[in-house]
């Protein structure tokens, strides 16, 4: 569970929410060799995004194990709810 991992990173390891989100997104993409095309919101990168039910990114660690996903965008296309959970890993 990414919310659990982010929460543990903040609450037990002392990371800020920004550091934990960077570790879970950009650093993870770099670790698997995809940092040039994904992992952050930049021109020229794939538009793979999750829209979360949170007012601010700093709230994410507060929702341990909760599913905050309101919508998802894969390669710039808004997915239907049933498509969100069938994403391939890479």
N, C-alpha and C. Protein backbone atom coordinates (compact mmCIF):
# COMPACT_ATOMS: atom_id res chain seq x y z
N UNK A 1 0.84 -1.17 0.00
CA UNK A 1 0.00 0.00 0.00
C UNK A 1 0.89 1.24 0.00
N UNK A 2 0.80 2.04 -1.04
CA UNK A 2 1.60 3.26 -1.10
C UNK A 2 1.21 4.26 -0.02
N UNK A 3 -0.08 4.43 0.30
CA UNK A 3 -0.38 5.33 1.41
C UNK A 3 0.28 4.88 2.71
N UNK A 4 0.31 3.59 2.95
CA UNK A 4 0.97 3.06 4.16
C UNK A 4 2.46 3.32 4.11
N UNK A 5 3.09 3.08 2.97
CA UNK A 5 4.53 3.31 2.84
C UNK A 5 4.87 4.78 3.03
N UNK A 6 4.06 5.67 2.46
CA UNK A 6 4.29 7.11 2.61
C UNK A 6 4.09 7.52 4.06
N UNK A 7 3.06 7.00 4.69
CA UNK A 7 2.80 7.32 6.09
C UNK A 7 3.95 6.85 6.98
N UNK A 8 4.42 5.63 6.77
CA UNK A 8 5.54 5.11 7.56
C UNK A 8 6.80 5.93 7.33
N UNK A 9 7.05 6.32 6.08
CA UNK A 9 8.23 7.12 5.78
C UNK A 9 8.20 8.43 6.55
N UNK A 10 7.02 9.03 6.64
CA UNK A 10 6.90 10.31 7.35
C UNK A 10 6.89 10.13 8.86
N UNK A 11 6.08 9.21 9.34
CA UNK A 11 5.87 9.08 10.78
C UNK A 11 6.96 8.30 11.52
N UNK A 12 7.61 7.38 10.83
CA UNK A 12 8.62 6.55 11.49
C UNK A 12 10.05 6.85 11.05
N UNK A 13 10.20 7.35 9.82
CA UNK A 13 11.54 7.58 9.29
C UNK A 13 11.91 9.06 9.23
N UNK A 14 10.96 9.94 9.55
CA UNK A 14 11.26 11.36 9.61
C UNK A 14 11.28 12.11 8.29
N UNK A 15 10.79 11.49 7.21
CA UNK A 15 10.73 12.19 5.94
C UNK A 15 9.57 13.18 5.95
N UNK A 16 9.72 14.25 5.19
CA UNK A 16 8.60 15.16 5.01
C UNK A 16 7.66 14.54 3.98
N UNK A 17 6.40 14.97 3.90
CA UNK A 17 5.51 14.45 2.86
C UNK A 17 6.09 14.64 1.46
N UNK A 18 6.74 15.77 1.22
CA UNK A 18 7.35 16.01 -0.09
C UNK A 18 8.45 14.99 -0.38
N UNK A 19 9.30 14.71 0.60
CA UNK A 19 10.37 13.72 0.42
C UNK A 19 9.79 12.33 0.18
N UNK A 20 8.75 11.98 0.93
CA UNK A 20 8.15 10.65 0.77
C UNK A 20 7.49 10.50 -0.60
N UNK A 21 6.82 11.54 -1.08
CA UNK A 21 6.20 11.48 -2.41
C UNK A 21 7.25 11.42 -3.51
N UNK A 22 8.33 12.15 -3.34
CA UNK A 22 9.43 12.10 -4.32
C UNK A 22 10.02 10.69 -4.36
N UNK A 23 10.20 10.09 -3.19
CA UNK A 23 10.73 8.72 -3.13
C UNK A 23 9.78 7.73 -3.81
N UNK A 24 8.48 7.94 -3.64
CA UNK A 24 7.48 7.01 -4.18
C UNK A 24 7.23 7.22 -5.67
N UNK A 25 7.63 8.36 -6.22
CA UNK A 25 7.34 8.65 -7.63
C UNK A 25 8.63 8.76 -8.44
N UNK A 26 9.28 9.90 -8.37
CA UNK A 26 10.46 10.12 -9.20
C UNK A 26 11.60 9.17 -8.88
N UNK A 27 11.95 9.03 -7.60
CA UNK A 27 13.05 8.14 -7.24
C UNK A 27 12.74 6.70 -7.62
N UNK A 28 11.49 6.29 -7.48
CA UNK A 28 11.10 4.94 -7.88
C UNK A 28 11.26 4.75 -9.39
N UNK A 29 10.85 5.75 -10.17
CA UNK A 29 10.99 5.67 -11.63
C UNK A 29 12.46 5.59 -12.02
N UNK A 30 13.29 6.38 -11.38
CA UNK A 30 14.74 6.34 -11.66
C UNK A 30 15.31 4.97 -11.30
N UNK A 31 14.88 4.41 -10.18
CA UNK A 31 15.40 3.12 -9.73
C UNK A 31 15.13 2.00 -10.72
N UNK A 32 14.04 2.09 -11.46
CA UNK A 32 13.73 1.04 -12.44
C UNK A 32 14.07 1.46 -13.87
N UNK A 33 14.83 2.56 -13.99
CA UNK A 33 15.30 2.98 -15.30
C UNK A 33 14.30 3.76 -16.14
N UNK A 34 13.26 4.33 -15.51
CA UNK A 34 12.24 5.07 -16.25
C UNK A 34 12.20 6.56 -15.90
N UNK A 35 13.21 7.07 -15.23
CA UNK A 35 13.22 8.46 -14.79
C UNK A 35 13.18 9.48 -15.90
N UNK A 36 13.66 9.12 -17.09
CA UNK A 36 13.67 10.06 -18.21
C UNK A 36 12.28 10.26 -18.80
N UNK A 37 11.39 9.28 -18.64
CA UNK A 37 10.07 9.39 -19.26
C UNK A 37 8.90 9.40 -18.28
N UNK A 38 9.15 9.15 -17.00
CA UNK A 38 8.04 9.15 -16.04
C UNK A 38 8.56 9.46 -14.64
N UNK A 39 7.63 9.58 -13.70
CA UNK A 39 8.00 9.78 -12.31
C UNK A 39 7.85 11.21 -11.82
N UNK A 40 7.70 12.15 -12.76
CA UNK A 40 7.50 13.56 -12.38
C UNK A 40 6.69 14.24 -13.48
N UNK A 41 6.12 15.38 -13.15
CA UNK A 41 5.31 16.12 -14.10
C UNK A 41 6.21 17.14 -14.79
N UNK A 42 6.60 16.81 -16.03
CA UNK A 42 7.48 17.67 -16.81
C UNK A 42 7.13 17.55 -18.28
N UNK A 43 7.38 18.61 -19.07
CA UNK A 43 7.14 18.51 -20.51
C UNK A 43 7.94 17.35 -21.11
N UNK A 44 7.30 16.60 -21.98
CA UNK A 44 7.95 15.49 -22.65
C UNK A 44 7.84 14.16 -21.93
N UNK A 45 7.37 14.16 -20.69
CA UNK A 45 7.20 12.90 -19.97
C UNK A 45 5.78 12.39 -20.12
N UNK A 46 5.60 11.10 -19.90
CA UNK A 46 4.28 10.50 -19.98
C UNK A 46 3.35 11.12 -18.95
N UNK A 47 2.12 11.31 -19.33
CA UNK A 47 1.13 11.87 -18.40
C UNK A 47 0.40 10.74 -17.68
N UNK A 48 1.07 10.13 -16.72
CA UNK A 48 0.48 9.12 -15.85
C UNK A 48 0.29 9.78 -14.49
N UNK A 49 -0.96 10.04 -14.12
CA UNK A 49 -1.25 10.79 -12.91
C UNK A 49 -2.35 10.14 -12.10
N UNK A 50 -2.32 10.32 -10.81
CA UNK A 50 -3.43 9.96 -9.93
C UNK A 50 -3.97 11.24 -9.33
N UNK A 51 -5.27 11.40 -9.37
CA UNK A 51 -5.92 12.52 -8.72
C UNK A 51 -6.47 11.99 -7.41
N UNK A 52 -6.06 12.59 -6.31
CA UNK A 52 -6.40 12.07 -4.99
C UNK A 52 -7.44 12.92 -4.28
N UNK A 53 -8.21 12.27 -3.42
CA UNK A 53 -9.20 12.95 -2.59
C UNK A 53 -8.48 13.51 -1.36
N UNK A 54 -7.70 14.55 -1.58
CA UNK A 54 -6.98 15.22 -0.51
C UNK A 54 -6.88 16.69 -0.88
N UNK A 55 -6.98 17.55 0.11
CA UNK A 55 -6.89 18.99 -0.15
C UNK A 55 -5.47 19.43 -0.45
N UNK A 56 -4.50 18.67 0.07
CA UNK A 56 -3.10 19.06 -0.01
C UNK A 56 -2.26 17.79 0.07
N UNK A 57 -1.13 17.76 -0.62
CA UNK A 57 -0.28 16.57 -0.61
C UNK A 57 0.21 16.23 0.80
N UNK A 58 0.25 17.21 1.69
CA UNK A 58 0.71 16.96 3.05
C UNK A 58 -0.29 16.15 3.86
N UNK A 59 -1.51 15.97 3.36
CA UNK A 59 -2.52 15.15 4.04
C UNK A 59 -2.32 13.66 3.78
N UNK A 60 -1.63 13.30 2.72
CA UNK A 60 -1.53 11.89 2.30
C UNK A 60 -1.02 10.99 3.42
N UNK A 61 0.02 11.36 4.18
CA UNK A 61 0.47 10.46 5.25
C UNK A 61 -0.56 10.22 6.35
N UNK A 62 -1.56 11.07 6.45
CA UNK A 62 -2.59 10.92 7.49
C UNK A 62 -3.56 9.79 7.20
N UNK A 63 -3.63 9.35 5.95
CA UNK A 63 -4.61 8.33 5.54
C UNK A 63 -3.92 6.98 5.38
N UNK A 64 -3.56 6.39 6.48
CA UNK A 64 -2.84 5.11 6.47
C UNK A 64 -3.73 4.02 5.88
N UNK A 65 -3.29 3.45 4.77
CA UNK A 65 -4.01 2.34 4.16
C UNK A 65 -5.29 2.70 3.44
N UNK A 66 -5.62 3.97 3.36
CA UNK A 66 -6.86 4.39 2.69
C UNK A 66 -6.63 4.51 1.19
N UNK A 67 -7.70 4.32 0.43
CA UNK A 67 -7.66 4.51 -1.01
C UNK A 67 -8.15 5.93 -1.30
N UNK A 68 -7.24 6.82 -1.63
CA UNK A 68 -7.57 8.21 -1.89
C UNK A 68 -7.77 8.51 -3.38
N UNK A 69 -7.67 7.50 -4.23
CA UNK A 69 -7.73 7.72 -5.68
C UNK A 69 -9.13 8.13 -6.11
N UNK A 70 -9.22 9.34 -6.68
CA UNK A 70 -10.48 9.85 -7.21
C UNK A 70 -10.56 9.60 -8.70
N UNK A 71 -9.43 9.68 -9.39
CA UNK A 71 -9.37 9.46 -10.84
C UNK A 71 -7.93 9.18 -11.22
N UNK A 72 -7.75 8.65 -12.41
CA UNK A 72 -6.41 8.35 -12.90
C UNK A 72 -6.31 8.74 -14.37
N UNK A 73 -5.10 9.13 -14.75
CA UNK A 73 -4.80 9.47 -16.13
C UNK A 73 -3.61 8.61 -16.55
N UNK A 74 -3.74 7.88 -17.65
CA UNK A 74 -2.68 7.00 -18.17
C UNK A 74 -2.35 7.44 -19.57
N UNK A 75 -1.10 7.82 -19.80
CA UNK A 75 -0.67 8.34 -21.11
C UNK A 75 -1.56 9.48 -21.58
N UNK A 76 -2.01 10.32 -20.66
CA UNK A 76 -2.81 11.49 -21.00
C UNK A 76 -4.29 11.21 -21.19
N UNK A 77 -4.74 9.98 -20.93
CA UNK A 77 -6.14 9.61 -21.13
C UNK A 77 -6.78 9.32 -19.77
N UNK A 78 -7.90 9.98 -19.49
CA UNK A 78 -8.63 9.73 -18.25
C UNK A 78 -9.20 8.32 -18.28
N UNK A 79 -8.92 7.53 -17.25
CA UNK A 79 -9.40 6.15 -17.19
C UNK A 79 -10.73 6.05 -16.48
N UNK A 80 -11.50 5.06 -16.90
CA UNK A 80 -12.73 4.73 -16.18
C UNK A 80 -12.32 4.01 -14.89
N UNK A 81 -13.17 4.07 -13.85
CA UNK A 81 -12.79 3.44 -12.57
C UNK A 81 -12.36 1.98 -12.69
N UNK A 82 -13.03 1.20 -13.52
CA UNK A 82 -12.66 -0.22 -13.63
C UNK A 82 -11.32 -0.41 -14.33
N UNK A 83 -10.84 0.58 -15.08
CA UNK A 83 -9.55 0.49 -15.74
C UNK A 83 -8.39 0.80 -14.80
N UNK A 84 -8.65 1.56 -13.76
CA UNK A 84 -7.58 1.99 -12.87
C UNK A 84 -6.87 0.79 -12.25
N UNK A 85 -7.60 -0.20 -11.83
CA UNK A 85 -7.01 -1.32 -11.09
C UNK A 85 -6.45 -2.40 -11.99
N UNK A 86 -6.49 -2.18 -13.33
CA UNK A 86 -5.94 -3.18 -14.24
C UNK A 86 -4.67 -2.66 -14.91
N UNK A 87 -4.04 -1.61 -14.36
CA UNK A 87 -2.80 -1.08 -14.95
C UNK A 87 -1.73 -2.12 -14.91
N UNK A 88 -0.94 -2.21 -15.99
CA UNK A 88 0.27 -3.04 -15.91
C UNK A 88 1.30 -2.35 -15.02
N UNK A 89 2.20 -3.10 -14.44
CA UNK A 89 3.20 -2.55 -13.53
C UNK A 89 4.16 -1.60 -14.26
N UNK A 90 4.63 -1.95 -15.42
CA UNK A 90 5.62 -1.10 -16.12
C UNK A 90 5.01 -0.41 -17.32
